[in-house]
Amino acid sequence: VQLVESGGGLVQPGGSLRLSCAASGFTFSSYYMSWVRQAPGQGLEWVSEINSGGDNTYYADSVKGRFTASRDNAKNTLYLKMNSLKPEDTALYYCEASHGSWGQGTQVTGSS
């Protein structure tokens, strides 16, 4: 089982990024997937969840209306489109499968 995040980077406030999470080693389309983040010196914060079919999504209040989770089950890939980024969105972003596997994370850093 492997989850590999990508797409992080340095972004100015108000900017956008799209994170990807490539999955392998399991039946991706059968599992809910989540995004979780960890800001410097802080604990883990759940960001978003998407159901196995991709037609139901859930968001933390802190990102609702700005972030959009999606998935392409044909490509075994999870996405997180982040708009209107704020400095407080700076964190290491992880994808998580509902069976408990995690990726290594991708860093998103807001700059001014």
N, C-alpha and C. Protein backbone atom coordinates (compact mmCIF):
# COMPACT_ATOMS: atom_id res chain seq x y z
N VAL A 1 0.85 -1.19 0.00
CA VAL A 1 0.00 0.00 0.00
C VAL A 1 0.89 1.24 0.00
N GLN A 2 0.57 2.17 -0.88
CA GLN A 2 1.37 3.39 -0.95
C GLN A 2 0.48 4.57 -1.31
N LEU A 3 0.69 5.68 -0.60
CA LEU A 3 0.04 6.95 -0.89
C LEU A 3 1.15 7.99 -1.03
N VAL A 4 1.15 8.69 -2.15
CA VAL A 4 2.20 9.67 -2.42
C VAL A 4 1.56 11.01 -2.76
N GLU A 5 1.75 11.97 -1.87
CA GLU A 5 1.22 13.31 -2.08
C GLU A 5 2.20 14.15 -2.90
N SER A 6 1.66 15.11 -3.62
CA SER A 6 2.47 16.06 -4.39
C SER A 6 1.64 17.33 -4.60
N GLY A 7 2.32 18.35 -5.08
CA GLY A 7 1.64 19.58 -5.44
C GLY A 7 1.78 20.72 -4.45
N GLY A 8 2.43 20.47 -3.33
CA GLY A 8 2.63 21.53 -2.37
C GLY A 8 3.62 22.55 -2.87
N GLY A 9 3.75 23.65 -2.13
CA GLY A 9 4.70 24.68 -2.51
C GLY A 9 4.48 25.95 -1.73
N LEU A 10 5.15 26.98 -2.21
CA LEU A 10 5.08 28.31 -1.60
C LEU A 10 4.03 29.11 -2.36
N VAL A 11 3.12 29.73 -1.65
CA VAL A 11 2.04 30.45 -2.31
C VAL A 11 1.71 31.71 -1.53
N GLN A 12 1.40 32.77 -2.25
CA GLN A 12 1.02 34.02 -1.62
C GLN A 12 -0.42 33.94 -1.11
N PRO A 13 -0.74 34.71 -0.08
CA PRO A 13 -2.12 34.76 0.40
C PRO A 13 -3.07 35.08 -0.74
N GLY A 14 -4.17 34.35 -0.78
CA GLY A 14 -5.12 34.52 -1.86
C GLY A 14 -4.86 33.63 -3.06
N GLY A 15 -3.74 32.97 -3.06
CA GLY A 15 -3.38 32.11 -4.17
C GLY A 15 -4.04 30.75 -4.11
N SER A 16 -3.69 29.91 -5.08
CA SER A 16 -4.30 28.58 -5.19
C SER A 16 -3.23 27.52 -5.41
N LEU A 17 -3.56 26.33 -4.97
CA LEU A 17 -2.74 25.15 -5.23
C LEU A 17 -3.66 23.96 -5.40
N ARG A 18 -3.20 22.96 -6.11
CA ARG A 18 -3.91 21.69 -6.16
C ARG A 18 -2.97 20.58 -5.71
N LEU A 19 -3.35 19.92 -4.64
CA LEU A 19 -2.60 18.78 -4.15
C LEU A 19 -3.13 17.50 -4.79
N SER A 20 -2.23 16.56 -4.99
CA SER A 20 -2.60 15.24 -5.50
C SER A 20 -2.11 14.17 -4.54
N CYS A 21 -2.79 13.05 -4.55
CA CYS A 21 -2.38 11.89 -3.75
C CYS A 21 -2.57 10.66 -4.63
N ALA A 22 -1.46 10.09 -5.06
CA ALA A 22 -1.49 8.90 -5.91
C ALA A 22 -1.50 7.65 -5.04
N ALA A 23 -2.47 6.80 -5.26
CA ALA A 23 -2.62 5.59 -4.44
C ALA A 23 -2.26 4.35 -5.24
N SER A 24 -1.70 3.38 -4.54
CA SER A 24 -1.39 2.10 -5.16
C SER A 24 -1.40 1.00 -4.11
N GLY A 25 -1.58 -0.21 -4.55
CA GLY A 25 -1.50 -1.35 -3.64
C GLY A 25 -2.80 -1.73 -2.95
N PHE A 26 -3.87 -1.03 -3.27
CA PHE A 26 -5.17 -1.38 -2.72
C PHE A 26 -6.25 -0.91 -3.69
N THR A 27 -7.47 -1.34 -3.46
CA THR A 27 -8.58 -0.98 -4.33
C THR A 27 -9.07 0.39 -3.95
N PHE A 28 -8.47 1.38 -4.57
CA PHE A 28 -8.69 2.80 -4.22
C PHE A 28 -10.18 3.14 -4.22
N SER A 29 -10.90 2.66 -5.21
CA SER A 29 -12.30 3.05 -5.38
C SER A 29 -13.22 2.52 -4.28
N SER A 30 -12.69 1.65 -3.43
CA SER A 30 -13.52 1.07 -2.37
C SER A 30 -13.45 1.83 -1.05
N TYR A 31 -12.57 2.82 -0.98
CA TYR A 31 -12.31 3.46 0.30
C TYR A 31 -12.60 4.95 0.31
N TYR A 32 -13.15 5.41 1.44
CA TYR A 32 -13.18 6.83 1.70
C TYR A 32 -11.74 7.31 1.82
N MET A 33 -11.52 8.58 1.45
CA MET A 33 -10.21 9.18 1.57
C MET A 33 -10.33 10.53 2.29
N SER A 34 -9.29 10.88 3.01
CA SER A 34 -9.29 12.13 3.76
C SER A 34 -8.00 12.90 3.51
N TRP A 35 -8.11 14.19 3.75
CA TRP A 35 -6.93 15.06 3.84
C TRP A 35 -6.83 15.52 5.30
N VAL A 36 -5.63 15.47 5.81
CA VAL A 36 -5.33 15.89 7.18
C VAL A 36 -4.10 16.76 7.11
N ARG A 37 -4.02 17.78 7.94
CA ARG A 37 -2.85 18.66 7.91
C ARG A 37 -2.29 18.86 9.31
N GLN A 38 -1.02 19.24 9.33
CA GLN A 38 -0.36 19.54 10.58
C GLN A 38 0.46 20.81 10.42
N ALA A 39 0.03 21.85 11.09
CA ALA A 39 0.74 23.12 11.07
C ALA A 39 1.97 23.04 11.97
N PRO A 40 2.96 23.89 11.74
CA PRO A 40 4.16 23.86 12.57
C PRO A 40 3.84 23.97 14.06
N GLY A 41 4.31 23.02 14.83
CA GLY A 41 4.12 23.05 16.27
C GLY A 41 2.72 22.72 16.74
N GLN A 42 1.87 22.29 15.82
CA GLN A 42 0.47 21.99 16.17
C GLN A 42 0.16 20.51 15.98
N GLY A 43 -1.01 20.11 16.44
CA GLY A 43 -1.46 18.75 16.25
C GLY A 43 -2.08 18.55 14.89
N LEU A 44 -2.55 17.34 14.65
CA LEU A 44 -3.19 17.03 13.39
C LEU A 44 -4.58 17.66 13.32
N GLU A 45 -4.92 18.17 12.14
CA GLU A 45 -6.24 18.76 11.91
C GLU A 45 -6.86 18.08 10.70
N TRP A 46 -8.02 17.49 10.89
CA TRP A 46 -8.76 16.93 9.77
C TRP A 46 -9.24 18.06 8.88
N VAL A 47 -9.08 17.90 7.55
CA VAL A 47 -9.42 18.94 6.60
C VAL A 47 -10.65 18.57 5.78
N SER A 48 -10.65 17.35 5.24
CA SER A 48 -11.71 16.99 4.30
C SER A 48 -11.79 15.48 4.18
N GLU A 49 -12.99 15.02 3.80
CA GLU A 49 -13.20 13.61 3.51
C GLU A 49 -14.06 13.49 2.26
N ILE A 50 -13.82 12.45 1.50
CA ILE A 50 -14.61 12.20 0.30
C ILE A 50 -14.99 10.72 0.29
N ASN A 51 -16.22 10.44 -0.09
CA ASN A 51 -16.65 9.06 -0.07
C ASN A 51 -16.04 8.29 -1.26
N SER A 52 -16.26 6.99 -1.27
CA SER A 52 -15.58 6.15 -2.25
C SER A 52 -15.97 6.50 -3.68
N GLY A 53 -17.21 6.89 -3.90
CA GLY A 53 -17.66 7.25 -5.24
C GLY A 53 -17.34 8.67 -5.66
N GLY A 54 -16.95 9.49 -4.69
CA GLY A 54 -16.60 10.86 -4.99
C GLY A 54 -17.76 11.83 -5.05
N ASP A 55 -18.96 11.37 -4.70
CA ASP A 55 -20.12 12.25 -4.81
C ASP A 55 -20.55 12.88 -3.50
N ASN A 56 -19.84 12.58 -2.43
CA ASN A 56 -20.09 13.23 -1.14
C ASN A 56 -18.77 13.70 -0.55
N THR A 57 -18.73 14.95 -0.16
CA THR A 57 -17.53 15.52 0.44
C THR A 57 -17.88 16.24 1.73
N TYR A 58 -16.92 16.31 2.60
CA TYR A 58 -17.09 16.92 3.92
C TYR A 58 -15.86 17.76 4.21
N TYR A 59 -16.07 18.89 4.89
CA TYR A 59 -14.97 19.82 5.12
C TYR A 59 -14.98 20.36 6.54
N ALA A 60 -13.77 20.65 7.02
CA ALA A 60 -13.66 21.40 8.25
C ALA A 60 -14.15 22.83 8.03
N ASP A 61 -14.70 23.42 9.07
CA ASP A 61 -15.21 24.79 8.95
C ASP A 61 -14.11 25.76 8.48
N SER A 62 -12.88 25.48 8.87
CA SER A 62 -11.78 26.38 8.56
C SER A 62 -11.47 26.44 7.06
N VAL A 63 -11.92 25.45 6.30
CA VAL A 63 -11.60 25.44 4.86
C VAL A 63 -12.84 25.41 3.98
N LYS A 64 -14.01 25.30 4.60
CA LYS A 64 -15.25 25.19 3.83
C LYS A 64 -15.43 26.41 2.94
N GLY A 65 -15.76 26.16 1.70
CA GLY A 65 -15.94 27.23 0.73
C GLY A 65 -14.68 27.63 0.00
N ARG A 66 -13.53 27.17 0.48
CA ARG A 66 -12.25 27.51 -0.15
C ARG A 66 -11.56 26.28 -0.75
N PHE A 67 -11.72 25.13 -0.10
CA PHE A 67 -11.07 23.90 -0.55
C PHE A 67 -12.12 22.96 -1.15
N THR A 68 -11.68 22.21 -2.16
CA THR A 68 -12.56 21.23 -2.80
C THR A 68 -11.81 19.92 -2.98
N ALA A 69 -12.34 18.88 -2.39
CA ALA A 69 -11.77 17.54 -2.56
C ALA A 69 -12.45 16.84 -3.73
N SER A 70 -11.67 16.08 -4.46
CA SER A 70 -12.22 15.28 -5.56
C SER A 70 -11.35 14.05 -5.74
N ARG A 71 -11.81 13.14 -6.55
CA ARG A 71 -11.03 11.93 -6.80
C ARG A 71 -11.31 11.43 -8.21
N ASP A 72 -10.31 10.75 -8.75
CA ASP A 72 -10.45 10.09 -10.04
C ASP A 72 -10.14 8.62 -9.80
N ASN A 73 -11.17 7.83 -9.67
CA ASN A 73 -10.96 6.42 -9.34
C ASN A 73 -10.30 5.65 -10.49
N ALA A 74 -10.45 6.14 -11.70
CA ALA A 74 -9.79 5.49 -12.83
C ALA A 74 -8.27 5.70 -12.77
N LYS A 75 -7.86 6.80 -12.15
CA LYS A 75 -6.43 7.11 -12.03
C LYS A 75 -5.90 6.84 -10.63
N ASN A 76 -6.76 6.33 -9.75
CA ASN A 76 -6.34 6.05 -8.36
C ASN A 76 -5.72 7.28 -7.71
N THR A 77 -6.35 8.42 -7.90
CA THR A 77 -5.78 9.67 -7.42
C THR A 77 -6.83 10.52 -6.71
N LEU A 78 -6.40 11.07 -5.60
CA LEU A 78 -7.19 12.00 -4.79
C LEU A 78 -6.63 13.40 -4.99
N TYR A 79 -7.51 14.38 -4.98
CA TYR A 79 -7.09 15.77 -5.17
C TYR A 79 -7.64 16.67 -4.06
N LEU A 80 -6.95 17.78 -3.85
CA LEU A 80 -7.46 18.83 -2.99
C LEU A 80 -7.14 20.16 -3.67
N LYS A 81 -8.17 20.82 -4.18
CA LYS A 81 -7.98 22.15 -4.77
C LYS A 81 -8.17 23.17 -3.67
N MET A 82 -7.16 23.99 -3.47
CA MET A 82 -7.16 24.97 -2.40
C MET A 82 -7.15 26.37 -3.01
N ASN A 83 -8.18 27.12 -2.76
CA ASN A 83 -8.28 28.50 -3.24
C ASN A 83 -8.25 29.46 -2.05
N SER A 84 -8.01 30.72 -2.36
CA SER A 84 -8.03 31.78 -1.34
C SER A 84 -7.19 31.39 -0.13
N LEU A 85 -5.98 30.93 -0.40
CA LEU A 85 -5.13 30.43 0.68
C LEU A 85 -4.78 31.54 1.67
N LYS A 86 -4.72 31.15 2.93
CA LYS A 86 -4.39 32.06 4.02
C LYS A 86 -3.09 31.62 4.67
N PRO A 87 -2.41 32.51 5.35
CA PRO A 87 -1.17 32.10 6.05
C PRO A 87 -1.42 30.95 7.01
N GLU A 88 -2.59 30.90 7.62
CA GLU A 88 -2.87 29.83 8.57
C GLU A 88 -3.12 28.47 7.90
N ASP A 89 -3.14 28.44 6.58
CA ASP A 89 -3.22 27.16 5.87
C ASP A 89 -1.85 26.51 5.75
N THR A 90 -0.80 27.21 6.16
CA THR A 90 0.55 26.64 6.13
C THR A 90 0.59 25.39 6.98
N ALA A 91 0.97 24.28 6.37
CA ALA A 91 0.98 22.99 7.07
C ALA A 91 1.56 21.92 6.15
N LEU A 92 1.83 20.79 6.76
CA LEU A 92 2.15 19.57 6.01
C LEU A 92 0.82 18.85 5.78
N TYR A 93 0.50 18.61 4.53
CA TYR A 93 -0.78 18.00 4.17
C TYR A 93 -0.59 16.53 3.84
N TYR A 94 -1.40 15.70 4.50
CA TYR A 94 -1.35 14.26 4.30
C TYR A 94 -2.66 13.78 3.70
N CYS A 95 -2.57 12.74 2.88
CA CYS A 95 -3.79 12.01 2.52
C CYS A 95 -3.84 10.72 3.33
N GLU A 96 -5.02 10.30 3.63
CA GLU A 96 -5.25 9.13 4.45
C GLU A 96 -6.36 8.29 3.84
N ALA A 97 -6.13 7.00 3.76
CA ALA A 97 -7.18 6.08 3.33
C ALA A 97 -7.94 5.59 4.55
N SER A 98 -9.19 5.27 4.36
CA SER A 98 -10.02 4.89 5.51
C SER A 98 -9.62 3.56 6.12
N HIS A 99 -8.72 2.81 5.47
CA HIS A 99 -8.20 1.60 6.09
C HIS A 99 -6.99 1.90 6.97
N GLY A 100 -6.56 3.17 7.00
CA GLY A 100 -5.53 3.56 7.94
C GLY A 100 -4.18 3.92 7.36
N SER A 101 -3.99 3.80 6.06
CA SER A 101 -2.71 4.15 5.45
C SER A 101 -2.59 5.66 5.26
N TRP A 102 -1.37 6.15 5.42
CA TRP A 102 -1.07 7.57 5.26
C TRP A 102 0.06 7.74 4.24
N GLY A 103 0.08 8.91 3.61
CA GLY A 103 1.21 9.28 2.79
C GLY A 103 2.26 9.96 3.62
N GLN A 104 3.30 10.45 2.94
CA GLN A 104 4.42 11.10 3.63
C GLN A 104 4.21 12.60 3.79
N GLY A 105 3.22 13.13 3.09
CA GLY A 105 2.87 14.53 3.22
C GLY A 105 3.52 15.41 2.16
N THR A 106 2.88 16.54 1.91
CA THR A 106 3.41 17.57 1.03
C THR A 106 3.23 18.91 1.71
N GLN A 107 4.27 19.74 1.66
CA GLN A 107 4.29 20.99 2.42
C GLN A 107 3.63 22.12 1.64
N VAL A 108 2.74 22.81 2.30
CA VAL A 108 2.13 24.03 1.76
C VAL A 108 2.55 25.17 2.67
N THR A 109 3.15 26.19 2.08
CA THR A 109 3.65 27.32 2.86
C THR A 109 3.11 28.61 2.29
N GLY A 110 2.41 29.36 3.12
CA GLY A 110 1.92 30.66 2.71
C GLY A 110 2.97 31.71 2.96
N SER A 111 3.16 32.59 2.02
CA SER A 111 4.14 33.66 2.18
C SER A 111 3.46 35.00 1.95
N SER A 112 4.07 36.03 2.46
CA SER A 112 3.52 37.37 2.25
C SER A 112 4.53 38.25 1.58
